[in-house]
Amino acid sequence: MQTLSDMRRSRFNYKYLIAVLLFVVALAYESLGTIYPYLTPLLGVGFYYWIKNRDIKENYLYLLLFFCYTIYFEIDRSTILFSFILLALIYRYFIEKSLEESVECNICLKIIFVIYAYVGYYILNQFLALVFNLHPFEMNFTYLAYIITDIIIVVLFL
């Protein structure tokens, strides 16, 4: 005969455990990205995920961990700290409404989001480097490979 304690379901929420494990995997992936430069940092994928899920309250933990990942990325790659968060805020308050109203093609919008994430990040870092008198951020063909890879991931899988 079963007791009542055996019949209860486990109410443990695995959402937070999965989020933390994904964050640890992302940090390991970024560390490997510094060793193998052709591993994309997935900034375009994360930016697209942020755009599509920023109003859903259940995904706030994932979005917070994504921005922590971008801070780790900026520290690891020696770029200007918090510049990706500044880029996201610029998009949110100045570009979002006009862009999403003017472009109706969903695939075109995905491509624009990824290109904005990388090219906007590059331009913003160049501007901030000029303002703070730092070394400019270099763009080479691996950066173009990052853009193309993230476009393929976002269009095909998200």
C-alpha atoms as a PDB file:
ATOM      1  CA  MET A   1       0.000   0.000   0.000  1.00  0.00           C
ATOM      2  CA  GLN A   2       1.364   3.406  -0.963  1.00  0.00           C
ATOM      3  CA  THR A   3       1.569   6.243   1.450  1.00  0.00           C
ATOM      4  CA  LEU A   4       0.515   9.761   0.594  1.00  0.00           C
ATOM      5  CA  SER A   5       4.078  11.034   0.455  1.00  0.00           C
ATOM      6  CA  ASP A   6       4.890   8.589  -2.350  1.00  0.00           C
ATOM      7  CA  MET A   7       1.964   9.802  -4.414  1.00  0.00           C
ATOM      8  CA  ARG A   8       2.986  13.463  -4.490  1.00  0.00           C
ATOM      9  CA  ARG A   9       4.586  14.933  -7.547  1.00  0.00           C
ATOM     10  CA  SER A  10       7.859  16.700  -7.364  1.00  0.00           C
ATOM     11  CA  ARG A  11       7.243  20.426  -7.607  1.00  0.00           C
ATOM     12  CA  PHE A  12      10.859  21.376  -8.177  1.00  0.00           C
ATOM     13  CA  ASN A  13      11.118  23.850 -11.017  1.00  0.00           C
ATOM     14  CA  TYR A  14      13.927  22.831 -13.358  1.00  0.00           C
ATOM     15  CA  LYS A  15      13.766  26.130 -15.250  1.00  0.00           C
ATOM     16  CA  TYR A  16      16.403  27.807 -13.085  1.00  0.00           C
ATOM     17  CA  LEU A  17      18.683  24.786 -13.142  1.00  0.00           C
ATOM     18  CA  ILE A  18      18.481  24.616 -16.941  1.00  0.00           C
ATOM     19  CA  ALA A  19      19.136  28.366 -17.213  1.00  0.00           C
ATOM     20  CA  VAL A  20      22.243  28.164 -15.054  1.00  0.00           C
ATOM     21  CA  LEU A  21      23.526  25.102 -16.931  1.00  0.00           C
ATOM     22  CA  LEU A  22      23.002  26.870 -20.272  1.00  0.00           C
ATOM     23  CA  PHE A  23      24.870  29.867 -18.902  1.00  0.00           C
ATOM     24  CA  VAL A  24      27.818  27.694 -17.826  1.00  0.00           C
ATOM     25  CA  VAL A  25      27.858  26.017 -21.257  1.00  0.00           C
ATOM     26  CA  ALA A  26      27.770  29.458 -22.919  1.00  0.00           C
ATOM     27  CA  LEU A  27      30.733  30.613 -20.820  1.00  0.00           C
ATOM     28  CA  ALA A  28      32.676  27.491 -21.775  1.00  0.00           C
ATOM     29  CA  TYR A  29      31.720  28.059 -25.430  1.00  0.00           C
ATOM     30  CA  GLU A  30      32.957  31.657 -25.260  1.00  0.00           C
ATOM     31  CA  SER A  31      36.223  30.499 -23.720  1.00  0.00           C
ATOM     32  CA  LEU A  32      36.631  28.041 -26.574  1.00  0.00           C
ATOM     33  CA  GLY A  33      35.804  30.878 -28.965  1.00  0.00           C
ATOM     34  CA  THR A  34      38.907  32.729 -27.861  1.00  0.00           C
ATOM     35  CA  ILE A  35      41.031  29.657 -28.571  1.00  0.00           C
ATOM     36  CA  TYR A  36      39.300  28.796 -31.867  1.00  0.00           C
ATOM     37  CA  PRO A  37      38.507  32.129 -33.506  1.00  0.00           C
ATOM     38  CA  TYR A  38      36.039  30.670 -36.013  1.00  0.00           C
ATOM     39  CA  LEU A  39      33.507  29.810 -33.296  1.00  0.00           C
ATOM     40  CA  THR A  40      30.929  32.557 -33.484  1.00  0.00           C
ATOM     41  CA  PRO A  41      30.160  34.403 -30.240  1.00  0.00           C
ATOM     42  CA  LEU A  42      26.399  34.087 -30.964  1.00  0.00           C
ATOM     43  CA  LEU A  43      25.688  37.750 -30.256  1.00  0.00           C
ATOM     44  CA  GLY A  44      23.246  37.966 -33.152  1.00  0.00           C
ATOM     45  CA  VAL A  45      21.364  34.893 -31.963  1.00  0.00           C
ATOM     46  CA  GLY A  46      21.157  36.268 -28.437  1.00  0.00           C
ATOM     47  CA  PHE A  47      20.075  39.687 -29.693  1.00  0.00           C
ATOM     48  CA  TYR A  48      17.282  38.103 -31.727  1.00  0.00           C
ATOM     49  CA  TYR A  49      16.244  36.033 -28.704  1.00  0.00           C
ATOM     50  CA  TRP A  50      16.198  39.203 -26.598  1.00  0.00           C
ATOM     51  CA  ILE A  51      14.015  41.034 -29.132  1.00  0.00           C
ATOM     52  CA  LYS A  52      11.474  38.239 -29.348  1.00  0.00           C
ATOM     53  CA  ASN A  53      11.292  37.387 -25.627  1.00  0.00           C
ATOM     54  CA  ARG A  54      11.895  40.623 -23.735  1.00  0.00           C
ATOM     55  CA  ASP A  55       8.208  41.133 -22.897  1.00  0.00           C
ATOM     56  CA  ILE A  56       7.608  37.575 -21.650  1.00  0.00           C
ATOM     57  CA  LYS A  57       8.015  37.588 -17.889  1.00  0.00           C
ATOM     58  CA  GLU A  58       8.976  33.887 -17.667  1.00  0.00           C
ATOM     59  CA  ASN A  59      12.097  34.502 -19.786  1.00  0.00           C
ATOM     60  CA  TYR A  60      13.624  37.301 -17.707  1.00  0.00           C
ATOM     61  CA  LEU A  61      16.162  34.950 -16.136  1.00  0.00           C
ATOM     62  CA  TYR A  62      17.390  33.796 -19.557  1.00  0.00           C
ATOM     63  CA  LEU A  63      17.661  37.394 -20.733  1.00  0.00           C
ATOM     64  CA  LEU A  64      19.551  38.421 -17.605  1.00  0.00           C
ATOM     65  CA  LEU A  65      21.986  35.560 -18.103  1.00  0.00           C
ATOM     66  CA  PHE A  66      22.377  36.533 -21.770  1.00  0.00           C
ATOM     67  CA  PHE A  67      23.412  40.045 -20.778  1.00  0.00           C
ATOM     68  CA  CYS A  68      25.810  38.566 -18.212  1.00  0.00           C
ATOM     69  CA  TYR A  69      27.211  36.482 -21.088  1.00  0.00           C
ATOM     70  CA  THR A  70      27.698  39.635 -23.180  1.00  0.00           C
ATOM     71  CA  ILE A  71      29.550  41.279 -20.311  1.00  0.00           C
ATOM     72  CA  TYR A  72      31.808  38.211 -20.088  1.00  0.00           C
ATOM     73  CA  PHE A  73      32.263  38.382 -23.874  1.00  0.00           C
ATOM     74  CA  GLU A  74      33.261  42.036 -23.679  1.00  0.00           C
ATOM     75  CA  ILE A  75      35.753  41.366 -20.898  1.00  0.00           C
ATOM     76  CA  ASP A  76      37.178  38.329 -22.675  1.00  0.00           C
ATOM     77  CA  ARG A  77      37.549  40.049 -26.048  1.00  0.00           C
ATOM     78  CA  SER A  78      38.808  43.341 -24.545  1.00  0.00           C
ATOM     79  CA  THR A  79      36.040  45.504 -25.936  1.00  0.00           C
ATOM     80  CA  ILE A  80      34.304  48.360 -24.162  1.00  0.00           C
ATOM     81  CA  LEU A  81      32.283  47.132 -21.208  1.00  0.00           C
ATOM     82  CA  PHE A  82      28.447  47.398 -21.340  1.00  0.00           C
ATOM     83  CA  SER A  83      28.519  48.469 -24.976  1.00  0.00           C
ATOM     84  CA  PHE A  84      26.258  45.613 -26.100  1.00  0.00           C
ATOM     85  CA  ILE A  85      23.709  46.522 -23.439  1.00  0.00           C
ATOM     86  CA  LEU A  86      23.911  50.127 -24.650  1.00  0.00           C
ATOM     87  CA  LEU A  87      23.354  48.869 -28.199  1.00  0.00           C
ATOM     88  CA  ALA A  88      20.247  46.962 -27.064  1.00  0.00           C
ATOM     89  CA  LEU A  89      18.915  50.062 -25.320  1.00  0.00           C
ATOM     90  CA  ILE A  90      19.521  52.183 -28.423  1.00  0.00           C
ATOM     91  CA  TYR A  91      17.545  49.649 -30.435  1.00  0.00           C
ATOM     92  CA  ARG A  92      14.734  49.482 -27.869  1.00  0.00           C
ATOM     93  CA  TYR A  93      14.164  53.210 -27.546  1.00  0.00           C
ATOM     94  CA  PHE A  94      15.107  54.648 -30.939  1.00  0.00           C
ATOM     95  CA  ILE A  95      14.898  52.030 -33.685  1.00  0.00           C
ATOM     96  CA  GLU A  96      12.426  49.324 -32.668  1.00  0.00           C
ATOM     97  CA  LYS A  97       9.081  50.860 -33.563  1.00  0.00           C
ATOM     98  CA  SER A  98      10.034  52.280 -36.946  1.00  0.00           C
ATOM     99  CA  LEU A  99      11.914  49.151 -38.042  1.00  0.00           C
ATOM    100  CA  GLU A 100       9.273  46.616 -37.042  1.00  0.00           C
ATOM    101  CA  GLU A 101       6.497  48.713 -38.628  1.00  0.00           C
ATOM    102  CA  SER A 102       8.311  49.295 -41.909  1.00  0.00           C
ATOM    103  CA  VAL A 103       9.607  45.761 -42.574  1.00  0.00           C
ATOM    104  CA  GLU A 104       6.955  43.070 -42.946  1.00  0.00           C
ATOM    105  CA  CYS A 105       9.092  40.152 -44.167  1.00  0.00           C
ATOM    106  CA  ASN A 106       9.870  37.953 -41.153  1.00  0.00           C
ATOM    107  CA  ILE A 107      13.064  36.448 -42.612  1.00  0.00           C
ATOM    108  CA  CYS A 108      14.269  39.900 -43.683  1.00  0.00           C
ATOM    109  CA  LEU A 109      13.638  41.160 -40.160  1.00  0.00           C
ATOM    110  CA  LYS A 110      15.684  38.299 -38.684  1.00  0.00           C
ATOM    111  CA  ILE A 111      18.569  39.110 -41.013  1.00  0.00           C
ATOM    112  CA  ILE A 112      18.373  42.803 -40.117  1.00  0.00           C
ATOM    113  CA  PHE A 113      18.438  41.973 -36.392  1.00  0.00           C
ATOM    114  CA  VAL A 114      21.606  39.894 -36.711  1.00  0.00           C
ATOM    115  CA  ILE A 115      23.341  42.429 -38.934  1.00  0.00           C
ATOM    116  CA  TYR A 116      22.343  45.227 -36.563  1.00  0.00           C
ATOM    117  CA  ALA A 117      23.715  43.284 -33.616  1.00  0.00           C
ATOM    118  CA  TYR A 118      27.164  42.828 -35.154  1.00  0.00           C
ATOM    119  CA  VAL A 119      27.563  45.957 -37.293  1.00  0.00           C
ATOM    120  CA  GLY A 120      25.925  48.154 -34.667  1.00  0.00           C
ATOM    121  CA  TYR A 121      28.206  46.662 -32.035  1.00  0.00           C
ATOM    122  CA  TYR A 122      31.223  47.385 -34.230  1.00  0.00           C
ATOM    123  CA  ILE A 123      30.158  50.984 -34.962  1.00  0.00           C
ATOM    124  CA  LEU A 124      29.275  51.655 -31.325  1.00  0.00           C
ATOM    125  CA  ASN A 125      32.652  50.310 -30.172  1.00  0.00           C
ATOM    126  CA  GLN A 126      34.427  52.446 -32.773  1.00  0.00           C
ATOM    127  CA  PHE A 127      32.546  55.521 -31.585  1.00  0.00           C
ATOM    128  CA  LEU A 128      33.204  54.820 -27.903  1.00  0.00           C
ATOM    129  CA  ALA A 129      36.872  54.103 -28.622  1.00  0.00           C
ATOM    130  CA  LEU A 130      37.094  57.476 -30.339  1.00  0.00           C
ATOM    131  CA  VAL A 131      35.372  59.227 -27.441  1.00  0.00           C
ATOM    132  CA  PHE A 132      37.483  57.549 -24.746  1.00  0.00           C
ATOM    133  CA  ASN A 133      40.720  57.651 -26.798  1.00  0.00           C
ATOM    134  CA  LEU A 134      41.166  53.869 -26.877  1.00  0.00           C
ATOM    135  CA  HIS A 135      42.473  51.517 -29.530  1.00  0.00           C
ATOM    136  CA  PRO A 136      39.904  50.966 -32.286  1.00  0.00           C
ATOM    137  CA  PHE A 137      38.070  47.680 -32.559  1.00  0.00           C
ATOM    138  CA  GLU A 138      39.305  45.644 -35.530  1.00  0.00           C
ATOM    139  CA  MET A 139      36.949  44.125 -38.079  1.00  0.00           C
ATOM    140  CA  ASN A 140      38.192  41.335 -40.328  1.00  0.00           C
ATOM    141  CA  PHE A 141      36.781  38.445 -42.329  1.00  0.00           C
ATOM    142  CA  THR A 142      36.106  36.327 -39.256  1.00  0.00           C
ATOM    143  CA  TYR A 143      33.643  39.005 -38.169  1.00  0.00           C
ATOM    144  CA  LEU A 144      31.862  38.542 -41.503  1.00  0.00           C
ATOM    145  CA  ALA A 145      31.842  34.790 -40.889  1.00  0.00           C
ATOM    146  CA  TYR A 146      30.230  35.434 -37.496  1.00  0.00           C
ATOM    147  CA  ILE A 147      27.468  37.441 -39.174  1.00  0.00           C
ATOM    148  CA  ILE A 148      26.798  34.805 -41.825  1.00  0.00           C
ATOM    149  CA  THR A 149      26.805  31.949 -39.308  1.00  0.00           C
ATOM    150  CA  ASP A 150      24.425  33.743 -36.958  1.00  0.00           C
ATOM    151  CA  ILE A 151      22.099  34.624 -39.853  1.00  0.00           C
ATOM    152  CA  ILE A 152      21.959  30.945 -40.827  1.00  0.00           C
ATOM    153  CA  ILE A 153      21.262  29.881 -37.231  1.00  0.00           C
ATOM    154  CA  VAL A 154      18.526  32.480 -36.711  1.00  0.00           C
ATOM    155  CA  VAL A 155      16.794  31.928 -40.047  1.00  0.00           C
ATOM    156  CA  LEU A 156      16.875  28.136 -39.957  1.00  0.00           C
ATOM    157  CA  PHE A 157      16.442  27.326 -36.288  1.00  0.00           C
ATOM    158  CA  LEU A 158      14.645  30.229 -34.566  1.00  0.00           C
END
